[in-house]
């Protein structure tokens, strides 16, 4: 669980680090003022994903032969 304001800090740290390639392996549910949003956040770079995208990425991680989500290139 991560609050929206923390997502901005994660994103800024990633930018300050030179925007390194990110495989989006650590997704977490985003919250705003304690209420769950429908978004998931990469805890490494701060990129937002819809629930459907996050589910697709998790399934692809379990089955490497499956088609992955929109950021399969690892670039944010």
PDB file of N, CA and C in Angstrom:
ATOM      1  N   UNK A   1       0.848  -1.167   0.000  1.00  0.00           N
ATOM      2  CA  UNK A   1       0.000   0.000   0.000  1.00  0.00           C
ATOM      3  C   UNK A   1       0.901   1.239   0.000  1.00  0.00           C
ATOM      4  N   UNK A   2       0.654   2.127  -0.950  1.00  0.00           N
ATOM      5  CA  UNK A   2       1.463   3.339  -1.052  1.00  0.00           C
ATOM      6  C   UNK A   2       0.540   4.530  -1.315  1.00  0.00           C
ATOM      7  N   UNK A   3       0.803   5.626  -0.615  1.00  0.00           N
ATOM      8  CA  UNK A   3       0.010   6.841  -0.785  1.00  0.00           C
ATOM      9  C   UNK A   3       0.485   7.620  -2.017  1.00  0.00           C
ATOM     10  N   UNK A   4      -0.430   8.352  -2.619  1.00  0.00           N
ATOM     11  CA  UNK A   4      -0.129   9.132  -3.827  1.00  0.00           C
ATOM     12  C   UNK A   4       1.069  10.057  -3.644  1.00  0.00           C
ATOM     13  N   UNK A   5       1.179  10.719  -2.490  1.00  0.00           N
ATOM     14  CA  UNK A   5       2.287  11.650  -2.291  1.00  0.00           C
ATOM     15  C   UNK A   5       3.628  10.924  -2.273  1.00  0.00           C
ATOM     16  N   UNK A   6       3.647   9.684  -1.801  1.00  0.00           N
ATOM     17  CA  UNK A   6       4.877   8.889  -1.805  1.00  0.00           C
ATOM     18  C   UNK A   6       5.251   8.473  -3.230  1.00  0.00           C
ATOM     19  N   UNK A   7       4.245   8.265  -4.085  1.00  0.00           N
ATOM     20  CA  UNK A   7       4.502   7.903  -5.482  1.00  0.00           C
ATOM     21  C   UNK A   7       5.288   9.016  -6.170  1.00  0.00           C
ATOM     22  N   UNK A   8       4.931  10.256  -5.892  1.00  0.00           N
ATOM     23  CA  UNK A   8       5.648  11.388  -6.488  1.00  0.00           C
ATOM     24  C   UNK A   8       7.114  11.383  -6.063  1.00  0.00           C
ATOM     25  N   UNK A   9       7.381  11.039  -4.812  1.00  0.00           N
ATOM     26  CA  UNK A   9       8.761  10.970  -4.321  1.00  0.00           C
ATOM     27  C   UNK A   9       9.532   9.828  -4.984  1.00  0.00           C
ATOM     28  N   UNK A  10       8.874   8.686  -5.141  1.00  0.00           N
ATOM     29  CA  UNK A  10       9.510   7.538  -5.815  1.00  0.00           C
ATOM     30  C   UNK A  10       9.860   7.923  -7.248  1.00  0.00           C
ATOM     31  N   UNK A  11       8.922   8.558  -7.930  1.00  0.00           N
ATOM     32  CA  UNK A  11       9.134   8.963  -9.327  1.00  0.00           C
ATOM     33  C   UNK A  11      10.310   9.947  -9.423  1.00  0.00           C
ATOM     34  N   UNK A  12      10.386  10.905  -8.494  1.00  0.00           N
ATOM     35  CA  UNK A  12      11.462  11.897  -8.529  1.00  0.00           C
ATOM     36  C   UNK A  12      12.812  11.250  -8.262  1.00  0.00           C
ATOM     37  N   UNK A  13      12.885  10.295  -7.328  1.00  0.00           N
ATOM     38  CA  UNK A  13      14.152   9.581  -7.076  1.00  0.00           C
ATOM     39  C   UNK A  13      14.601   8.838  -8.322  1.00  0.00           C
ATOM     40  N   UNK A  14      13.654   8.232  -9.041  1.00  0.00           N
ATOM     41  CA  UNK A  14      13.975   7.499 -10.269  1.00  0.00           C
ATOM     42  C   UNK A  14      14.508   8.467 -11.335  1.00  0.00           C
ATOM     43  N   UNK A  15      13.869   9.620 -11.468  1.00  0.00           N
ATOM     44  CA  UNK A  15      14.327  10.640 -12.427  1.00  0.00           C
ATOM     45  C   UNK A  15      15.717  11.131 -12.043  1.00  0.00           C
ATOM     46  N   UNK A  16      15.929  11.425 -10.765  1.00  0.00           N
ATOM     47  CA  UNK A  16      17.227  11.900 -10.280  1.00  0.00           C
ATOM     48  C   UNK A  16      18.333  10.865 -10.502  1.00  0.00           C
ATOM     49  N   UNK A  17      17.951   9.583 -10.528  1.00  0.00           N
ATOM     50  CA  UNK A  17      18.926   8.511 -10.747  1.00  0.00           C
ATOM     51  C   UNK A  17      19.233   8.310 -12.239  1.00  0.00           C
ATOM     52  N   UNK A  18      18.655   9.152 -13.090  1.00  0.00           N
ATOM     53  CA  UNK A  18      18.949   9.073 -14.521  1.00  0.00           C
ATOM     54  C   UNK A  18      17.982   8.200 -15.307  1.00  0.00           C
ATOM     55  N   UNK A  19      16.816   7.922 -14.748  1.00  0.00           N
ATOM     56  CA  UNK A  19      15.785   7.121 -15.415  1.00  0.00           C
ATOM     57  C   UNK A  19      16.295   5.764 -15.892  1.00  0.00           C
ATOM     58  N   UNK A  20      16.852   4.978 -14.983  1.00  0.00           N
ATOM     59  CA  UNK A  20      17.364   3.664 -15.397  1.00  0.00           C
ATOM     60  C   UNK A  20      16.228   2.747 -15.862  1.00  0.00           C
ATOM     61  N   UNK A  21      16.576   1.752 -16.658  1.00  0.00           N
ATOM     62  CA  UNK A  21      15.593   0.786 -17.131  1.00  0.00           C
ATOM     63  C   UNK A  21      14.889   0.149 -15.936  1.00  0.00           C
ATOM     64  N   UNK A  22      13.598  -0.071 -16.055  1.00  0.00           N
ATOM     65  CA  UNK A  22      12.831  -0.624 -14.942  1.00  0.00           C
ATOM     66  C   UNK A  22      11.949  -1.773 -15.434  1.00  0.00           C
ATOM     67  N   UNK A  23      12.109  -2.956 -14.845  1.00  0.00           N
ATOM     68  CA  UNK A  23      11.277  -4.100 -15.253  1.00  0.00           C
ATOM     69  C   UNK A  23       9.910  -4.134 -14.558  1.00  0.00           C
ATOM     70  N   UNK A  24       9.624  -3.192 -13.673  1.00  0.00           N
ATOM     71  CA  UNK A  24       8.332  -3.096 -12.971  1.00  0.00           C
ATOM     72  C   UNK A  24       7.986  -4.400 -12.251  1.00  0.00           C
ATOM     73  N   UNK A  25       8.915  -4.902 -11.448  1.00  0.00           N
ATOM     74  CA  UNK A  25       8.704  -6.166 -10.748  1.00  0.00           C
ATOM     75  C   UNK A  25       8.010  -6.011  -9.401  1.00  0.00           C
ATOM     76  N   UNK A  26       7.993  -4.799  -8.862  1.00  0.00           N
ATOM     77  CA  UNK A  26       7.439  -4.586  -7.526  1.00  0.00           C
ATOM     78  C   UNK A  26       6.260  -3.618  -7.608  1.00  0.00           C
ATOM     79  N   UNK A  27       5.073  -4.142  -7.896  1.00  0.00           N
ATOM     80  CA  UNK A  27       3.872  -3.318  -7.996  1.00  0.00           C
ATOM     81  C   UNK A  27       3.114  -3.345  -6.686  1.00  0.00           C
ATOM     82  N   UNK A  28       2.537  -2.189  -6.338  1.00  0.00           N
ATOM     83  CA  UNK A  28       1.758  -2.089  -5.111  1.00  0.00           C
ATOM     84  C   UNK A  28       0.511  -1.253  -5.380  1.00  0.00           C
ATOM     85  N   UNK A  29      -0.530  -1.489  -4.619  1.00  0.00           N
ATOM     86  CA  UNK A  29      -1.788  -0.758  -4.734  1.00  0.00           C
ATOM     87  C   UNK A  29      -1.593   0.689  -4.293  1.00  0.00           C
ATOM     88  N   UNK A  30      -2.144   1.629  -5.061  1.00  0.00           N
ATOM     89  CA  UNK A  30      -2.059   3.043  -4.710  1.00  0.00           C
ATOM     90  C   UNK A  30      -3.271   3.462  -3.875  1.00  0.00           C
ATOM     91  N   UNK A  31      -3.020   4.325  -2.897  1.00  0.00           N
ATOM     92  CA  UNK A  31      -4.075   4.868  -2.045  1.00  0.00           C
ATOM     93  C   UNK A  31      -4.010   6.392  -2.069  1.00  0.00           C
ATOM     94  N   UNK A  32      -5.159   7.037  -1.880  1.00  0.00           N
ATOM     95  CA  UNK A  32      -5.227   8.481  -1.778  1.00  0.00           C
ATOM     96  C   UNK A  32      -6.017   8.808  -0.522  1.00  0.00           C
ATOM     97  N   UNK A  33      -5.373   9.452   0.439  1.00  0.00           N
ATOM     98  CA  UNK A  33      -5.990   9.795   1.718  1.00  0.00           C
ATOM     99  C   UNK A  33      -6.643   8.573   2.369  1.00  0.00           C
ATOM    100  N   UNK A  34      -5.974   7.439   2.270  1.00  0.00           N
ATOM    101  CA  UNK A  34      -6.453   6.213   2.890  1.00  0.00           C
ATOM    102  C   UNK A  34      -7.438   5.413   2.071  1.00  0.00           C
ATOM    103  N   UNK A  35      -7.897   5.957   0.957  1.00  0.00           N
ATOM    104  CA  UNK A  35      -8.851   5.256   0.092  1.00  0.00           C
ATOM    105  C   UNK A  35      -8.110   4.641  -1.094  1.00  0.00           C
ATOM    106  N   UNK A  36      -8.455   3.422  -1.405  1.00  0.00           N
ATOM    107  CA  UNK A  36      -7.807   2.719  -2.513  1.00  0.00           C
ATOM    108  C   UNK A  36      -8.218   3.339  -3.847  1.00  0.00           C
ATOM    109  N   UNK A  37      -7.235   3.558  -4.712  1.00  0.00           N
ATOM    110  CA  UNK A  37      -7.531   3.959  -6.080  1.00  0.00           C
ATOM    111  C   UNK A  37      -7.550   2.683  -6.914  1.00  0.00           C
ATOM    112  N   UNK A  38      -7.856   2.773  -8.174  1.00  0.00           N
ATOM    113  CA  UNK A  38      -7.834   1.591  -9.033  1.00  0.00           C
ATOM    114  C   UNK A  38      -6.476   1.397  -9.689  1.00  0.00           C
ATOM    115  N   UNK A  39      -5.477   2.171  -9.271  1.00  0.00           N
ATOM    116  CA  UNK A  39      -4.159   2.096  -9.882  1.00  0.00           C
ATOM    117  C   UNK A  39      -3.181   1.279  -9.050  1.00  0.00           C
ATOM    118  N   UNK A  40      -2.193   0.753  -9.762  1.00  0.00           N
ATOM    119  CA  UNK A  40      -1.059   0.088  -9.126  1.00  0.00           C
ATOM    120  C   UNK A  40       0.183   0.866  -9.513  1.00  0.00           C
ATOM    121  N   UNK A  41       1.166   0.870  -8.634  1.00  0.00           N
ATOM    122  CA  UNK A  41       2.368   1.678  -8.814  1.00  0.00           C
ATOM    123  C   UNK A  41       3.600   0.788  -8.779  1.00  0.00           C
ATOM    124  N   UNK A  42       4.547   1.051  -9.695  1.00  0.00           N
ATOM    125  CA  UNK A  42       5.845   0.404  -9.630  1.00  0.00           C
ATOM    126  C   UNK A  42       6.620   1.098  -8.513  1.00  0.00           C
ATOM    127  N   UNK A  43       7.028   0.329  -7.523  1.00  0.00           N
ATOM    128  CA  UNK A  43       7.714   0.904  -6.366  1.00  0.00           C
ATOM    129  C   UNK A  43       9.167   1.263  -6.675  1.00  0.00           C
ATOM    130  N   UNK A  44       9.643   0.916  -7.867  1.00  0.00           N
ATOM    131  CA  UNK A  44      11.006   1.269  -8.262  1.00  0.00           C
ATOM    132  C   UNK A  44      11.062   2.589  -9.022  1.00  0.00           C
ATOM    133  N   UNK A  45      10.077   2.814  -9.925  1.00  0.00           N
ATOM    134  CA  UNK A  45      10.139   4.020 -10.764  1.00  0.00           C
ATOM    135  C   UNK A  45       8.922   4.934 -10.635  1.00  0.00           C
ATOM    136  N   UNK A  46       7.853   4.456  -9.993  1.00  0.00           N
ATOM    137  CA  UNK A  46       6.679   5.299  -9.794  1.00  0.00           C
ATOM    138  C   UNK A  46       5.683   5.292 -10.940  1.00  0.00           C
ATOM    139  N   UNK A  47       5.889   4.467 -11.973  1.00  0.00           N
ATOM    140  CA  UNK A  47       4.938   4.425 -13.080  1.00  0.00           C
ATOM    141  C   UNK A  47       3.620   3.811 -12.608  1.00  0.00           C
ATOM    142  N   UNK A  48       2.511   4.400 -13.076  1.00  0.00           N
ATOM    143  CA  UNK A  48       1.175   3.921 -12.715  1.00  0.00           C
ATOM    144  C   UNK A  48       0.661   2.923 -13.745  1.00  0.00           C
ATOM    145  N   UNK A  49      -0.067   1.923 -13.261  1.00  0.00           N
ATOM    146  CA  UNK A  49      -0.674   0.918 -14.124  1.00  0.00           C
ATOM    147  C   UNK A  49      -2.104   0.686 -13.668  1.00  0.00           C
ATOM    148  N   UNK A  50      -2.982   0.397 -14.619  1.00  0.00           N
ATOM    149  CA  UNK A  50      -4.355   0.059 -14.270  1.00  0.00           C
ATOM    150  C   UNK A  50      -4.379  -1.325 -13.623  1.00  0.00           C
ATOM    151  N   UNK A  51      -5.488  -1.644 -13.019  1.00  0.00           N
ATOM    152  CA  UNK A  51      -5.640  -2.970 -12.410  1.00  0.00           C
ATOM    153  C   UNK A  51      -5.444  -4.061 -13.458  1.00  0.00           C
ATOM    154  N   UNK A  52      -5.999  -3.864 -14.642  1.00  0.00           N
ATOM    155  CA  UNK A  52      -5.873  -4.842 -15.726  1.00  0.00           C
ATOM    156  C   UNK A  52      -4.414  -4.999 -16.163  1.00  0.00           C
ATOM    157  N   UNK A  53      -3.710  -3.874 -16.316  1.00  0.00           N
ATOM    158  CA  UNK A  53      -2.295  -3.930 -16.690  1.00  0.00           C
ATOM    159  C   UNK A  53      -1.466  -4.660 -15.636  1.00  0.00           C
ATOM    160  N   UNK A  54      -1.727  -4.341 -14.363  1.00  0.00           N
ATOM    161  CA  UNK A  54      -0.978  -4.981 -13.276  1.00  0.00           C
ATOM    162  C   UNK A  54      -1.233  -6.483 -13.262  1.00  0.00           C
ATOM    163  N   UNK A  55      -2.483  -6.894 -13.447  1.00  0.00           N
ATOM    164  CA  UNK A  55      -2.817  -8.309 -13.472  1.00  0.00           C
ATOM    165  C   UNK A  55      -2.112  -9.007 -14.633  1.00  0.00           C
ATOM    166  N   UNK A  56      -2.135  -8.379 -15.794  1.00  0.00           N
ATOM    167  CA  UNK A  56      -1.479  -8.937 -16.972  1.00  0.00           C
ATOM    168  C   UNK A  56       0.029  -9.082 -16.756  1.00  0.00           C
ATOM    169  N   UNK A  57       0.637  -8.089 -16.139  1.00  0.00           N
ATOM    170  CA  UNK A  57       2.077  -8.131 -15.887  1.00  0.00           C
ATOM    171  C   UNK A  57       2.419  -9.231 -14.883  1.00  0.00           C
ATOM    172  N   UNK A  58       1.588  -9.384 -13.857  1.00  0.00           N
ATOM    173  CA  UNK A  58       1.834 -10.440 -12.865  1.00  0.00           C
ATOM    174  C   UNK A  58       1.680 -11.820 -13.484  1.00  0.00           C
ATOM    175  N   UNK A  59       0.666 -11.998 -14.331  1.00  0.00           N
ATOM    176  CA  UNK A  59       0.467 -13.282 -14.996  1.00  0.00           C
ATOM    177  C   UNK A  59       1.636 -13.592 -15.928  1.00  0.00           C
ATOM    178  N   UNK A  60       2.121 -12.570 -16.634  1.00  0.00           N
ATOM    179  CA  UNK A  60       3.251 -12.753 -17.536  1.00  0.00           C
ATOM    180  C   UNK A  60       4.513 -13.123 -16.758  1.00  0.00           C
ATOM    181  N   UNK A  61       4.656 -12.575 -15.561  1.00  0.00           N
ATOM    182  CA  UNK A  61       5.830 -12.887 -14.736  1.00  0.00           C
ATOM    183  C   UNK A  61       5.782 -14.346 -14.287  1.00  0.00           C
ATOM    184  N   UNK A  62       4.582 -14.856 -14.047  1.00  0.00           N
ATOM    185  CA  UNK A  62       4.429 -16.260 -13.656  1.00  0.00           C
ATOM    186  C   UNK A  62       4.654 -17.189 -14.840  1.00  0.00           C
ATOM    187  N   UNK A  63       4.268 -16.722 -16.045  1.00  0.00           N
ATOM    188  CA  UNK A  63       4.396 -17.520 -17.275  1.00  0.00           C
ATOM    189  C   UNK A  63       5.183 -16.705 -18.299  1.00  0.00           C
ATOM    190  N   UNK A  64       6.525 -16.829 -18.313  1.00  0.00           N
ATOM    191  CA  UNK A  64       7.358 -16.014 -19.203  1.00  0.00           C
ATOM    192  C   UNK A  64       7.010 -16.161 -20.680  1.00  0.00           C
ATOM    193  N   UNK A  65       6.320 -17.213 -21.080  1.00  0.00           N
ATOM    194  CA  UNK A  65       5.943 -17.395 -22.476  1.00  0.00           C
ATOM    195  C   UNK A  65       4.709 -16.612 -22.863  1.00  0.00           C
ATOM    196  N   UNK A  66       4.024 -16.043 -21.878  1.00  0.00           N
ATOM    197  CA  UNK A  66       2.799 -15.286 -22.141  1.00  0.00           C
ATOM    198  C   UNK A  66       3.137 -13.877 -22.611  1.00  0.00           C
ATOM    199  N   UNK A  67       2.173 -13.248 -23.243  1.00  0.00           N
ATOM    200  CA  UNK A  67       2.339 -11.860 -23.681  1.00  0.00           C
ATOM    201  C   UNK A  67       2.211 -10.975 -22.458  1.00  0.00           C
ATOM    202  N   UNK A  68       3.138 -10.038 -22.291  1.00  0.00           N
ATOM    203  CA  UNK A  68       3.115  -9.177 -21.110  1.00  0.00           C
ATOM    204  C   UNK A  68       2.382  -7.887 -21.384  1.00  0.00           C
ATOM    205  N   UNK A  69       2.344  -7.030 -20.358  1.00  0.00           N
ATOM    206  CA  UNK A  69       1.611  -5.781 -20.398  1.00  0.00           C
ATOM    207  C   UNK A  69       2.264  -4.722 -21.259  1.00  0.00           C
ATOM    208  N   UNK A  70       1.776  -3.493 -21.139  1.00  0.00           N
ATOM    209  CA  UNK A  70       2.180  -2.397 -22.025  1.00  0.00           C
ATOM    210  C   UNK A  70       3.629  -1.970 -21.890  1.00  0.00           C
ATOM    211  N   UNK A  71       4.270  -2.220 -20.778  1.00  0.00           N
ATOM    212  CA  UNK A  71       5.647  -1.769 -20.600  1.00  0.00           C
ATOM    213  C   UNK A  71       6.618  -2.936 -20.627  1.00  0.00           C
ATOM    214  N   UNK A  72       6.369  -3.887 -21.515  1.00  0.00           N
ATOM    215  CA  UNK A  72       7.214  -5.074 -21.558  1.00  0.00           C
ATOM    216  C   UNK A  72       8.660  -4.753 -21.911  1.00  0.00           C
ATOM    217  N   UNK A  73       8.910  -3.593 -22.492  1.00  0.00           N
ATOM    218  CA  UNK A  73      10.275  -3.223 -22.850  1.00  0.00           C
ATOM    219  C   UNK A  73      11.095  -2.864 -21.630  1.00  0.00           C
ATOM    220  N   UNK A  74      10.416  -2.593 -20.500  1.00  0.00           N
ATOM    221  CA  UNK A  74      11.121  -2.213 -19.287  1.00  0.00           C
ATOM    222  C   UNK A  74      11.423  -0.728 -19.233  1.00  0.00           C
ATOM    223  N   UNK A  75      10.961   0.033 -20.201  1.00  0.00           N
ATOM    224  CA  UNK A  75      11.197   1.470 -20.214  1.00  0.00           C
ATOM    225  C   UNK A  75       9.981   2.182 -19.656  1.00  0.00           C
ATOM    226  N   UNK A  76      10.210   3.145 -18.800  1.00  0.00           N
ATOM    227  CA  UNK A  76       9.115   3.946 -18.248  1.00  0.00           C
ATOM    228  C   UNK A  76       8.850   5.120 -19.157  1.00  0.00           C
TER     229      UNK A  76
END
